């Protein structure tokens, strides 16, 4: 994700609609446990109250990732 998906211009544009939070699951085991993170990458779309509404597990190509983000936005409404 770091080398293929996140650098993509269309992904960057879509991600500008989100507040991005990166959790180091090795250092912050409490947060990882709270949300049931078992593997990475584990991307969550969440409401402002911390409710998870959509999850993307594993690697996604840019186009597929954008579709996942759009699904998450629709669920968050």
PDB file of N, CA and C in Angstrom:
ATOM      1  N   UNK A   1       0.825  -1.178   0.000  1.00  0.00           N
ATOM      2  CA  UNK A   1       0.000   0.000   0.000  1.00  0.00           C
ATOM      3  C   UNK A   1       0.880   1.257   0.000  1.00  0.00           C
ATOM      4  N   UNK A   2       1.936   1.225   0.790  1.00  0.00           N
ATOM      5  CA  UNK A   2       2.802   2.402   0.914  1.00  0.00           C
ATOM      6  C   UNK A   2       3.498   2.760  -0.395  1.00  0.00           C
ATOM      7  N   UNK A   3       3.820   1.777  -1.213  1.00  0.00           N
ATOM      8  CA  UNK A   3       4.580   2.060  -2.430  1.00  0.00           C
ATOM      9  C   UNK A   3       3.733   2.106  -3.696  1.00  0.00           C
ATOM     10  N   UNK A   4       2.556   1.461  -3.680  1.00  0.00           N
ATOM     11  CA  UNK A   4       1.733   1.398  -4.889  1.00  0.00           C
ATOM     12  C   UNK A   4       0.458   2.226  -4.756  1.00  0.00           C
ATOM     13  N   UNK A   5      -0.294   2.000  -3.716  1.00  0.00           N
ATOM     14  CA  UNK A   5      -1.639   2.572  -3.610  1.00  0.00           C
ATOM     15  C   UNK A   5      -1.629   3.997  -3.069  1.00  0.00           C
ATOM     16  N   UNK A   6      -1.012   4.234  -1.929  1.00  0.00           N
ATOM     17  CA  UNK A   6      -1.060   5.562  -1.320  1.00  0.00           C
ATOM     18  C   UNK A   6      -0.409   6.657  -2.166  1.00  0.00           C
ATOM     19  N   UNK A   7       0.657   6.390  -2.915  1.00  0.00           N
ATOM     20  CA  UNK A   7       1.245   7.445  -3.758  1.00  0.00           C
ATOM     21  C   UNK A   7       0.413   7.804  -5.000  1.00  0.00           C
ATOM     22  N   UNK A   8      -0.568   6.995  -5.362  1.00  0.00           N
ATOM     23  CA  UNK A   8      -1.385   7.234  -6.548  1.00  0.00           C
ATOM     24  C   UNK A   8      -2.138   8.556  -6.410  1.00  0.00           C
ATOM     25  N   UNK A   9      -2.118   9.380  -7.457  1.00  0.00           N
ATOM     26  CA  UNK A   9      -2.730  10.719  -7.410  1.00  0.00           C
ATOM     27  C   UNK A   9      -4.224  10.658  -7.107  1.00  0.00           C
ATOM     28  N   UNK A  10      -4.938   9.724  -7.714  1.00  0.00           N
ATOM     29  CA  UNK A  10      -6.383   9.623  -7.480  1.00  0.00           C
ATOM     30  C   UNK A  10      -6.676   9.173  -6.042  1.00  0.00           C
ATOM     31  N   UNK A  11      -5.836   8.300  -5.500  1.00  0.00           N
ATOM     32  CA  UNK A  11      -5.999   7.875  -4.106  1.00  0.00           C
ATOM     33  C   UNK A  11      -5.740   9.048  -3.179  1.00  0.00           C
ATOM     34  N   UNK A  12      -4.683   9.802  -3.434  1.00  0.00           N
ATOM     35  CA  UNK A  12      -4.388  10.978  -2.613  1.00  0.00           C
ATOM     36  C   UNK A  12      -5.554  11.955  -2.620  1.00  0.00           C
ATOM     37  N   UNK A  13      -6.137  12.168  -3.783  1.00  0.00           N
ATOM     38  CA  UNK A  13      -7.276  13.086  -3.880  1.00  0.00           C
ATOM     39  C   UNK A  13      -8.459  12.576  -3.053  1.00  0.00           C
ATOM     40  N   UNK A  14      -8.768  11.285  -3.157  1.00  0.00           N
ATOM     41  CA  UNK A  14      -9.885  10.715  -2.394  1.00  0.00           C
ATOM     42  C   UNK A  14      -9.599  10.765  -0.897  1.00  0.00           C
ATOM     43  N   UNK A  15      -8.356  10.477  -0.509  1.00  0.00           N
ATOM     44  CA  UNK A  15      -8.011  10.486   0.908  1.00  0.00           C
ATOM     45  C   UNK A  15      -8.071  11.883   1.513  1.00  0.00           C
ATOM     46  N   UNK A  16      -8.048  12.916   0.688  1.00  0.00           N
ATOM     47  CA  UNK A  16      -8.150  14.283   1.207  1.00  0.00           C
ATOM     48  C   UNK A  16      -9.526  14.538   1.834  1.00  0.00           C
ATOM     49  N   UNK A  17     -10.477  13.648   1.597  1.00  0.00           N
ATOM     50  CA  UNK A  17     -11.817  13.768   2.181  1.00  0.00           C
ATOM     51  C   UNK A  17     -11.892  13.141   3.585  1.00  0.00           C
ATOM     52  N   UNK A  18     -10.793  12.577   4.039  1.00  0.00           N
ATOM     53  CA  UNK A  18     -10.758  11.855   5.302  1.00  0.00           C
ATOM     54  C   UNK A  18      -9.770  12.497   6.261  1.00  0.00           C
ATOM     55  N   UNK A  19      -9.960  12.209   7.543  1.00  0.00           N
ATOM     56  CA  UNK A  19      -8.948  12.504   8.550  1.00  0.00           C
ATOM     57  C   UNK A  19      -8.167  11.210   8.714  1.00  0.00           C
ATOM     58  N   UNK A  20      -6.889  11.248   8.393  1.00  0.00           N
ATOM     59  CA  UNK A  20      -6.065  10.034   8.416  1.00  0.00           C
ATOM     60  C   UNK A  20      -5.368   9.880   9.762  1.00  0.00           C
ATOM     61  N   UNK A  21      -5.466   8.677  10.310  1.00  0.00           N
ATOM     62  CA  UNK A  21      -4.800   8.350  11.566  1.00  0.00           C
ATOM     63  C   UNK A  21      -4.046   7.049  11.341  1.00  0.00           C
ATOM     64  N   UNK A  22      -2.766   7.069  11.619  1.00  0.00           N
ATOM     65  CA  UNK A  22      -1.924   5.875  11.469  1.00  0.00           C
ATOM     66  C   UNK A  22      -1.621   5.351  12.867  1.00  0.00           C
ATOM     67  N   UNK A  23      -1.958   4.093  13.100  1.00  0.00           N
ATOM     68  CA  UNK A  23      -1.687   3.464  14.397  1.00  0.00           C
ATOM     69  C   UNK A  23      -0.595   2.412  14.205  1.00  0.00           C
ATOM     70  N   UNK A  24       0.474   2.536  14.962  1.00  0.00           N
ATOM     71  CA  UNK A  24       1.509   1.506  14.974  1.00  0.00           C
ATOM     72  C   UNK A  24       1.037   0.423  15.933  1.00  0.00           C
ATOM     73  N   UNK A  25       0.578  -0.694  15.376  1.00  0.00           N
ATOM     74  CA  UNK A  25      -0.023  -1.738  16.207  1.00  0.00           C
ATOM     75  C   UNK A  25       0.980  -2.435  17.117  1.00  0.00           C
ATOM     76  N   UNK A  26       2.265  -2.327  16.821  1.00  0.00           N
ATOM     77  CA  UNK A  26       3.276  -2.887  17.715  1.00  0.00           C
ATOM     78  C   UNK A  26       3.443  -2.011  18.953  1.00  0.00           C
ATOM     79  N   UNK A  27       3.289  -0.704  18.786  1.00  0.00           N
ATOM     80  CA  UNK A  27       3.472   0.227  19.893  1.00  0.00           C
ATOM     81  C   UNK A  27       2.179   0.528  20.641  1.00  0.00           C
ATOM     82  N   UNK A  28       1.033   0.447  19.948  1.00  0.00           N
ATOM     83  CA  UNK A  28      -0.258   0.786  20.561  1.00  0.00           C
ATOM     84  C   UNK A  28      -1.180  -0.433  20.517  1.00  0.00           C
ATOM     85  N   UNK A  29      -0.834  -1.407  21.323  1.00  0.00           N
ATOM     86  CA  UNK A  29      -1.600  -2.655  21.347  1.00  0.00           C
ATOM     87  C   UNK A  29      -3.016  -2.449  21.878  1.00  0.00           C
ATOM     88  N   UNK A  30      -3.214  -1.459  22.736  1.00  0.00           N
ATOM     89  CA  UNK A  30      -4.549  -1.209  23.295  1.00  0.00           C
ATOM     90  C   UNK A  30      -5.526  -0.798  22.201  1.00  0.00           C
ATOM     91  N   UNK A  31      -5.115   0.129  21.340  1.00  0.00           N
ATOM     92  CA  UNK A  31      -5.992   0.566  20.255  1.00  0.00           C
ATOM     93  C   UNK A  31      -6.199  -0.558  19.257  1.00  0.00           C
ATOM     94  N   UNK A  32      -5.151  -1.277  18.933  1.00  0.00           N
ATOM     95  CA  UNK A  32      -5.273  -2.414  18.016  1.00  0.00           C
ATOM     96  C   UNK A  32      -6.261  -3.433  18.570  1.00  0.00           C
ATOM     97  N   UNK A  33      -6.193  -3.700  19.867  1.00  0.00           N
ATOM     98  CA  UNK A  33      -7.106  -4.640  20.498  1.00  0.00           C
ATOM     99  C   UNK A  33      -8.535  -4.132  20.529  1.00  0.00           C
ATOM    100  N   UNK A  34      -8.689  -2.845  20.790  1.00  0.00           N
ATOM    101  CA  UNK A  34     -10.027  -2.244  20.846  1.00  0.00           C
ATOM    102  C   UNK A  34     -10.782  -2.456  19.542  1.00  0.00           C
ATOM    103  N   UNK A  35     -10.071  -2.345  18.418  1.00  0.00           N
ATOM    104  CA  UNK A  35     -10.713  -2.468  17.111  1.00  0.00           C
ATOM    105  C   UNK A  35     -10.520  -3.844  16.474  1.00  0.00           C
ATOM    106  N   UNK A  36      -9.919  -4.766  17.192  1.00  0.00           N
ATOM    107  CA  UNK A  36      -9.785  -6.129  16.691  1.00  0.00           C
ATOM    108  C   UNK A  36      -8.864  -6.274  15.500  1.00  0.00           C
ATOM    109  N   UNK A  37      -7.802  -5.476  15.476  1.00  0.00           N
ATOM    110  CA  UNK A  37      -6.846  -5.562  14.375  1.00  0.00           C
ATOM    111  C   UNK A  37      -6.035  -6.835  14.534  1.00  0.00           C
ATOM    112  N   UNK A  38      -6.132  -7.715  13.537  1.00  0.00           N
ATOM    113  CA  UNK A  38      -5.399  -8.972  13.598  1.00  0.00           C
ATOM    114  C   UNK A  38      -4.247  -9.016  12.621  1.00  0.00           C
ATOM    115  N   UNK A  39      -4.322  -8.218  11.577  1.00  0.00           N
ATOM    116  CA  UNK A  39      -3.271  -8.162  10.573  1.00  0.00           C
ATOM    117  C   UNK A  39      -3.263  -6.800   9.923  1.00  0.00           C
ATOM    118  N   UNK A  40      -2.215  -6.525   9.203  1.00  0.00           N
ATOM    119  CA  UNK A  40      -2.120  -5.236   8.540  1.00  0.00           C
ATOM    120  C   UNK A  40      -1.773  -5.448   7.073  1.00  0.00           C
ATOM    121  N   UNK A  41      -2.169  -4.584   6.177  1.00  0.00           N
ATOM    122  CA  UNK A  41      -2.901  -3.364   6.474  1.00  0.00           C
ATOM    123  C   UNK A  41      -4.366  -3.639   6.842  1.00  0.00           C
ATOM    124  N   UNK A  42      -4.867  -2.838   7.732  1.00  0.00           N
ATOM    125  CA  UNK A  42      -6.253  -2.874   8.177  1.00  0.00           C
ATOM    126  C   UNK A  42      -6.729  -1.431   8.152  1.00  0.00           C
ATOM    127  N   UNK A  43      -7.436  -1.067   7.101  1.00  0.00           N
ATOM    128  CA  UNK A  43      -7.896   0.303   6.898  1.00  0.00           C
ATOM    129  C   UNK A  43      -9.348   0.384   7.358  1.00  0.00           C
ATOM    130  N   UNK A  44      -9.666   1.367   8.174  1.00  0.00           N
ATOM    131  CA  UNK A  44     -11.030   1.549   8.672  1.00  0.00           C
ATOM    132  C   UNK A  44     -11.575   2.903   8.247  1.00  0.00           C
ATOM    133  N   UNK A  45     -12.833   2.904   7.859  1.00  0.00           N
ATOM    134  CA  UNK A  45     -13.578   4.145   7.686  1.00  0.00           C
ATOM    135  C   UNK A  45     -14.463   4.230   8.919  1.00  0.00           C
ATOM    136  N   UNK A  46     -14.338   5.350   9.630  1.00  0.00           N
ATOM    137  CA  UNK A  46     -15.037   5.485  10.898  1.00  0.00           C
ATOM    138  C   UNK A  46     -15.809   6.797  10.947  1.00  0.00           C
ATOM    139  N   UNK A  47     -16.854   6.788  11.738  1.00  0.00           N
ATOM    140  CA  UNK A  47     -17.581   8.017  12.018  1.00  0.00           C
ATOM    141  C   UNK A  47     -16.785   8.813  13.045  1.00  0.00           C
ATOM    142  N   UNK A  48     -17.135  10.072  13.219  1.00  0.00           N
ATOM    143  CA  UNK A  48     -16.397  10.932  14.149  1.00  0.00           C
ATOM    144  C   UNK A  48     -16.484  10.442  15.597  1.00  0.00           C
ATOM    145  N   UNK A  49     -17.481   9.619  15.916  1.00  0.00           N
ATOM    146  CA  UNK A  49     -17.597   9.087  17.274  1.00  0.00           C
ATOM    147  C   UNK A  49     -16.767   7.822  17.495  1.00  0.00           C
ATOM    148  N   UNK A  50     -16.015   7.383  16.467  1.00  0.00           N
ATOM    149  CA  UNK A  50     -15.159   6.210  16.585  1.00  0.00           C
ATOM    150  C   UNK A  50     -15.808   4.914  16.156  1.00  0.00           C
ATOM    151  N   UNK A  51     -17.034   4.985  15.665  1.00  0.00           N
ATOM    152  CA  UNK A  51     -17.720   3.796  15.187  1.00  0.00           C
ATOM    153  C   UNK A  51     -17.160   3.397  13.826  1.00  0.00           C
ATOM    154  N   UNK A  52     -16.696   2.171  13.715  1.00  0.00           N
ATOM    155  CA  UNK A  52     -16.170   1.659  12.450  1.00  0.00           C
ATOM    156  C   UNK A  52     -17.341   1.274  11.544  1.00  0.00           C
ATOM    157  N   UNK A  53     -17.357   1.811  10.315  1.00  0.00           N
ATOM    158  CA  UNK A  53     -18.456   1.515   9.391  1.00  0.00           C
ATOM    159  C   UNK A  53     -18.009   0.705   8.181  1.00  0.00           C
ATOM    160  N   UNK A  54     -16.709   0.652   7.923  1.00  0.00           N
ATOM    161  CA  UNK A  54     -16.210  -0.106   6.780  1.00  0.00           C
ATOM    162  C   UNK A  54     -14.747  -0.462   7.025  1.00  0.00           C
ATOM    163  N   UNK A  55     -14.371  -1.661   6.579  1.00  0.00           N
ATOM    164  CA  UNK A  55     -13.018  -2.159   6.800  1.00  0.00           C
ATOM    165  C   UNK A  55     -12.442  -2.692   5.499  1.00  0.00           C
ATOM    166  N   UNK A  56     -11.184  -2.369   5.252  1.00  0.00           N
ATOM    167  CA  UNK A  56     -10.455  -2.880   4.092  1.00  0.00           C
ATOM    168  C   UNK A  56      -9.247  -3.637   4.645  1.00  0.00           C
ATOM    169  N   UNK A  57      -9.223  -4.939   4.399  1.00  0.00           N
ATOM    170  CA  UNK A  57      -8.120  -5.768   4.891  1.00  0.00           C
ATOM    171  C   UNK A  57      -7.201  -6.149   3.748  1.00  0.00           C
ATOM    172  N   UNK A  58      -5.924  -6.077   3.981  1.00  0.00           N
ATOM    173  CA  UNK A  58      -4.949  -6.496   2.984  1.00  0.00           C
ATOM    174  C   UNK A  58      -4.710  -5.454   1.905  1.00  0.00           C
ATOM    175  N   UNK A  59      -3.869  -5.826   0.973  1.00  0.00           N
ATOM    176  CA  UNK A  59      -3.475  -4.930  -0.118  1.00  0.00           C
ATOM    177  C   UNK A  59      -4.621  -4.696  -1.090  1.00  0.00           C
ATOM    178  N   UNK A  60      -4.757  -3.456  -1.562  1.00  0.00           N
ATOM    179  CA  UNK A  60      -5.722  -3.097  -2.611  1.00  0.00           C
ATOM    180  C   UNK A  60      -5.017  -2.248  -3.659  1.00  0.00           C
ATOM    181  N   UNK A  61      -5.261  -2.542  -4.923  1.00  0.00           N
ATOM    182  CA  UNK A  61      -4.787  -1.687  -6.006  1.00  0.00           C
ATOM    183  C   UNK A  61      -5.503  -0.336  -5.902  1.00  0.00           C
ATOM    184  N   UNK A  62      -4.944   0.729  -6.461  1.00  0.00           N
ATOM    185  CA  UNK A  62      -5.549   2.055  -6.331  1.00  0.00           C
ATOM    186  C   UNK A  62      -7.038   2.128  -6.700  1.00  0.00           C
ATOM    187  N   UNK A  63      -7.436   1.608  -7.837  1.00  0.00           N
ATOM    188  CA  UNK A  63      -8.834   1.694  -8.245  1.00  0.00           C
ATOM    189  C   UNK A  63      -9.769   0.991  -7.278  1.00  0.00           C
ATOM    190  N   UNK A  64      -9.384  -0.199  -6.855  1.00  0.00           N
ATOM    191  CA  UNK A  64     -10.195  -0.957  -5.897  1.00  0.00           C
ATOM    192  C   UNK A  64     -10.252  -0.254  -4.548  1.00  0.00           C
ATOM    193  N   UNK A  65      -9.136   0.356  -4.143  1.00  0.00           N
ATOM    194  CA  UNK A  65      -9.092   1.051  -2.863  1.00  0.00           C
ATOM    195  C   UNK A  65     -10.014   2.266  -2.881  1.00  0.00           C
ATOM    196  N   UNK A  66     -10.019   2.995  -3.973  1.00  0.00           N
ATOM    197  CA  UNK A  66     -10.916   4.152  -4.091  1.00  0.00           C
ATOM    198  C   UNK A  66     -12.369   3.694  -3.977  1.00  0.00           C
ATOM    199  N   UNK A  67     -12.713   2.594  -4.606  1.00  0.00           N
ATOM    200  CA  UNK A  67     -14.081   2.066  -4.500  1.00  0.00           C
ATOM    201  C   UNK A  67     -14.417   1.703  -3.049  1.00  0.00           C
ATOM    202  N   UNK A  68     -13.463   1.129  -2.344  1.00  0.00           N
ATOM    203  CA  UNK A  68     -13.679   0.796  -0.930  1.00  0.00           C
ATOM    204  C   UNK A  68     -13.910   2.059  -0.104  1.00  0.00           C
ATOM    205  N   UNK A  69     -13.119   3.106  -0.380  1.00  0.00           N
ATOM    206  CA  UNK A  69     -13.296   4.359   0.338  1.00  0.00           C
ATOM    207  C   UNK A  69     -14.669   4.960   0.062  1.00  0.00           C
ATOM    208  N   UNK A  70     -15.115   4.898  -1.175  1.00  0.00           N
ATOM    209  CA  UNK A  70     -16.439   5.410  -1.530  1.00  0.00           C
ATOM    210  C   UNK A  70     -17.539   4.614  -0.821  1.00  0.00           C
ATOM    211  N   UNK A  71     -17.367   3.310  -0.725  1.00  0.00           N
ATOM    212  CA  UNK A  71     -18.319   2.477   0.027  1.00  0.00           C
ATOM    213  C   UNK A  71     -18.352   2.912   1.481  1.00  0.00           C
ATOM    214  N   UNK A  72     -17.184   3.150   2.051  1.00  0.00           N
ATOM    215  CA  UNK A  72     -17.101   3.601   3.436  1.00  0.00           C
ATOM    216  C   UNK A  72     -17.774   4.941   3.653  1.00  0.00           C
ATOM    217  N   UNK A  73     -17.571   5.864   2.726  1.00  0.00           N
ATOM    218  CA  UNK A  73     -18.235   7.175   2.832  1.00  0.00           C
ATOM    219  C   UNK A  73     -19.749   7.030   2.805  1.00  0.00           C
ATOM    220  N   UNK A  74     -20.247   6.184   1.924  1.00  0.00           N
ATOM    221  CA  UNK A  74     -21.697   5.979   1.835  1.00  0.00           C
ATOM    222  C   UNK A  74     -22.250   5.377   3.133  1.00  0.00           C
ATOM    223  N   UNK A  75     -21.514   4.455   3.735  1.00  0.00           N
ATOM    224  CA  UNK A  75     -21.953   3.829   4.974  1.00  0.00           C
ATOM    225  C   UNK A  75     -21.898   4.805   6.150  1.00  0.00           C
ATOM    226  N   UNK A  76     -21.007   5.778   6.078  1.00  0.00           N
ATOM    227  CA  UNK A  76     -20.828   6.731   7.181  1.00  0.00           C
ATOM    228  C   UNK A  76     -21.928   7.782   7.244  1.00  0.00           C
ATOM    229  N   UNK A  77     -22.703   7.890   6.187  1.00  0.00           N
ATOM    230  CA  UNK A  77     -23.758   8.924   6.145  1.00  0.00           C
ATOM    231  C   UNK A  77     -24.960   8.523   6.966  1.00  0.00           C
TER     232      UNK A  77
END
